[in-house]
Structure formats: structure tokens, C-alpha cells
């Protein structure tokens, strides 16, 4: 019988954010992940997917902040 883990458990095991794992499940990058209601169940034998790192991109929040608010010095 296959043992499953939850997204928070996988996040601790793989040392990444739960959001990144949720997105990977939704994009079918984690083999054997199953949607159960509003949750995802991930097989304990599943391999960690490759998460892209874009170091040049600014966070969207920072860009929105820069555009909306101008400091007058």
C-alpha cells in the first residue's frame, strides 16, 4: 500500500515552500500526486521536482510598491 504525505510535510522534507509544491502538483510535475478534496496527497516515494530560480526578477510586490508610491524627500 502506498504511503502519502501532505504538502506541509513535503515542504519540510524537500526544504522548499508549500506554495511551490502546490503549484508543482497543479502542473503535474510531481508523479503520483492526487487531489483529495482541497488538499494534495503526495506519495512518500515521489522525487523532488526541479524548482526554477530566477535571481534577476524583482518581486511583484516591490515593483507595485515602486510604481504606486513615490517618496518626496
C-alpha atoms as a PDB file:
ATOM      1  CA  UNK A   1       0.000   0.000   0.000  1.00  0.00           C
ATOM      2  CA  UNK A   2       1.301   3.441  -0.941  1.00  0.00           C
ATOM      3  CA  UNK A   3       2.009   5.860   1.906  1.00  0.00           C
ATOM      4  CA  UNK A   4       1.224   9.526   1.285  1.00  0.00           C
ATOM      5  CA  UNK A   5       2.407  12.813   2.775  1.00  0.00           C
ATOM      6  CA  UNK A   6       0.771  16.227   2.832  1.00  0.00           C
ATOM      7  CA  UNK A   7       2.105  19.414   1.274  1.00  0.00           C
ATOM      8  CA  UNK A   8       3.472  20.815   4.579  1.00  0.00           C
ATOM      9  CA  UNK A   9       5.281  17.514   5.236  1.00  0.00           C
ATOM     10  CA  UNK A  10       6.773  17.554   1.723  1.00  0.00           C
ATOM     11  CA  UNK A  11       7.830  21.192   2.182  1.00  0.00           C
ATOM     12  CA  UNK A  12       9.824  20.286   5.289  1.00  0.00           C
ATOM     13  CA  UNK A  13      11.315  17.185   3.665  1.00  0.00           C
ATOM     14  CA  UNK A  14      12.307  18.957   0.434  1.00  0.00           C
ATOM     15  CA  UNK A  15      13.227  22.253   2.126  1.00  0.00           C
ATOM     16  CA  UNK A  16      11.022  24.458  -0.055  1.00  0.00           C
ATOM     17  CA  UNK A  17       7.811  26.430   0.326  1.00  0.00           C
ATOM     18  CA  UNK A  18       4.383  24.809   0.425  1.00  0.00           C
ATOM     19  CA  UNK A  19       3.276  27.168  -2.352  1.00  0.00           C
ATOM     20  CA  UNK A  20       5.962  25.879  -4.721  1.00  0.00           C
ATOM     21  CA  UNK A  21       4.848  22.315  -4.043  1.00  0.00           C
ATOM     22  CA  UNK A  22       1.174  23.213  -4.536  1.00  0.00           C
ATOM     23  CA  UNK A  23       1.971  24.757  -7.916  1.00  0.00           C
ATOM     24  CA  UNK A  24       4.048  21.714  -8.903  1.00  0.00           C
ATOM     25  CA  UNK A  25       1.153  19.418  -8.020  1.00  0.00           C
ATOM     26  CA  UNK A  26      -1.276  21.523 -10.047  1.00  0.00           C
ATOM     27  CA  UNK A  27       1.098  21.445 -13.033  1.00  0.00           C
ATOM     28  CA  UNK A  28       1.519  17.641 -12.715  1.00  0.00           C
ATOM     29  CA  UNK A  29       5.258  17.884 -12.052  1.00  0.00           C
ATOM     30  CA  UNK A  30       5.087  15.533  -9.052  1.00  0.00           C
ATOM     31  CA  UNK A  31       4.390  11.989 -10.175  1.00  0.00           C
ATOM     32  CA  UNK A  32       1.581  10.222  -8.336  1.00  0.00           C
ATOM     33  CA  UNK A  33       0.233  13.324  -6.575  1.00  0.00           C
ATOM     34  CA  UNK A  34      -3.509  13.005  -6.002  1.00  0.00           C
ATOM     35  CA  UNK A  35      -6.055  15.722  -5.334  1.00  0.00           C
ATOM     36  CA  UNK A  36      -8.196  14.822  -2.315  1.00  0.00           C
ATOM     37  CA  UNK A  37     -10.874  17.470  -1.829  1.00  0.00           C
ATOM     38  CA  UNK A  38      -8.961  20.734  -1.406  1.00  0.00           C
ATOM     39  CA  UNK A  39      -5.723  19.008  -0.436  1.00  0.00           C
ATOM     40  CA  UNK A  40      -2.977  17.203  -2.301  1.00  0.00           C
ATOM     41  CA  UNK A  41      -1.574  13.836  -1.285  1.00  0.00           C
ATOM     42  CA  UNK A  42       1.962  13.131  -2.434  1.00  0.00           C
ATOM     43  CA  UNK A  43       3.493   9.630  -2.436  1.00  0.00           C
ATOM     44  CA  UNK A  44       6.373   9.321   0.010  1.00  0.00           C
ATOM     45  CA  UNK A  45       8.467   7.818  -2.795  1.00  0.00           C
ATOM     46  CA  UNK A  46       7.942  10.850  -5.094  1.00  0.00           C
ATOM     47  CA  UNK A  47      11.036  12.656  -6.322  1.00  0.00           C
ATOM     48  CA  UNK A  48      11.538  16.346  -5.596  1.00  0.00           C
ATOM     49  CA  UNK A  49      10.762  18.381  -8.738  1.00  0.00           C
ATOM     50  CA  UNK A  50      13.198  20.952 -10.072  1.00  0.00           C
ATOM     51  CA  UNK A  51      12.163  24.424  -8.979  1.00  0.00           C
ATOM     52  CA  UNK A  52      13.327  27.209 -11.336  1.00  0.00           C
ATOM     53  CA  UNK A  53      15.329  30.039  -9.779  1.00  0.00           C
ATOM     54  CA  UNK A  54      15.155  33.437 -11.412  1.00  0.00           C
ATOM     55  CA  UNK A  55      17.554  35.660  -9.495  1.00  0.00           C
ATOM     56  CA  UNK A  56      17.204  38.611 -11.902  1.00  0.00           C
ATOM     57  CA  UNK A  57      13.457  39.066 -11.456  1.00  0.00           C
ATOM     58  CA  UNK A  58      12.227  41.563  -8.913  1.00  0.00           C
ATOM     59  CA  UNK A  59       9.335  40.502  -6.678  1.00  0.00           C
ATOM     60  CA  UNK A  60       5.974  41.721  -7.988  1.00  0.00           C
ATOM     61  CA  UNK A  61       5.222  43.377  -4.660  1.00  0.00           C
ATOM     62  CA  UNK A  62       8.342  45.525  -4.858  1.00  0.00           C
ATOM     63  CA  UNK A  63       7.558  46.635  -8.412  1.00  0.00           C
ATOM     64  CA  UNK A  64       3.978  47.510  -7.478  1.00  0.00           C
ATOM     65  CA  UNK A  65       5.260  49.422  -4.462  1.00  0.00           C
ATOM     66  CA  UNK A  66       7.759  51.401  -6.558  1.00  0.00           C
ATOM     67  CA  UNK A  67       5.099  52.361  -9.104  1.00  0.00           C
ATOM     68  CA  UNK A  68       2.352  53.369  -6.672  1.00  0.00           C
ATOM     69  CA  UNK A  69       4.296  55.309  -4.075  1.00  0.00           C
ATOM     70  CA  UNK A  70       6.845  58.000  -4.673  1.00  0.00           C
ATOM     71  CA  UNK A  71       8.790  59.408  -1.736  1.00  0.00           C
ATOM     72  CA  UNK A  72       9.254  63.152  -1.701  1.00  0.00           C
ATOM     73  CA  UNK A  73      12.458  63.939   0.101  1.00  0.00           C
END
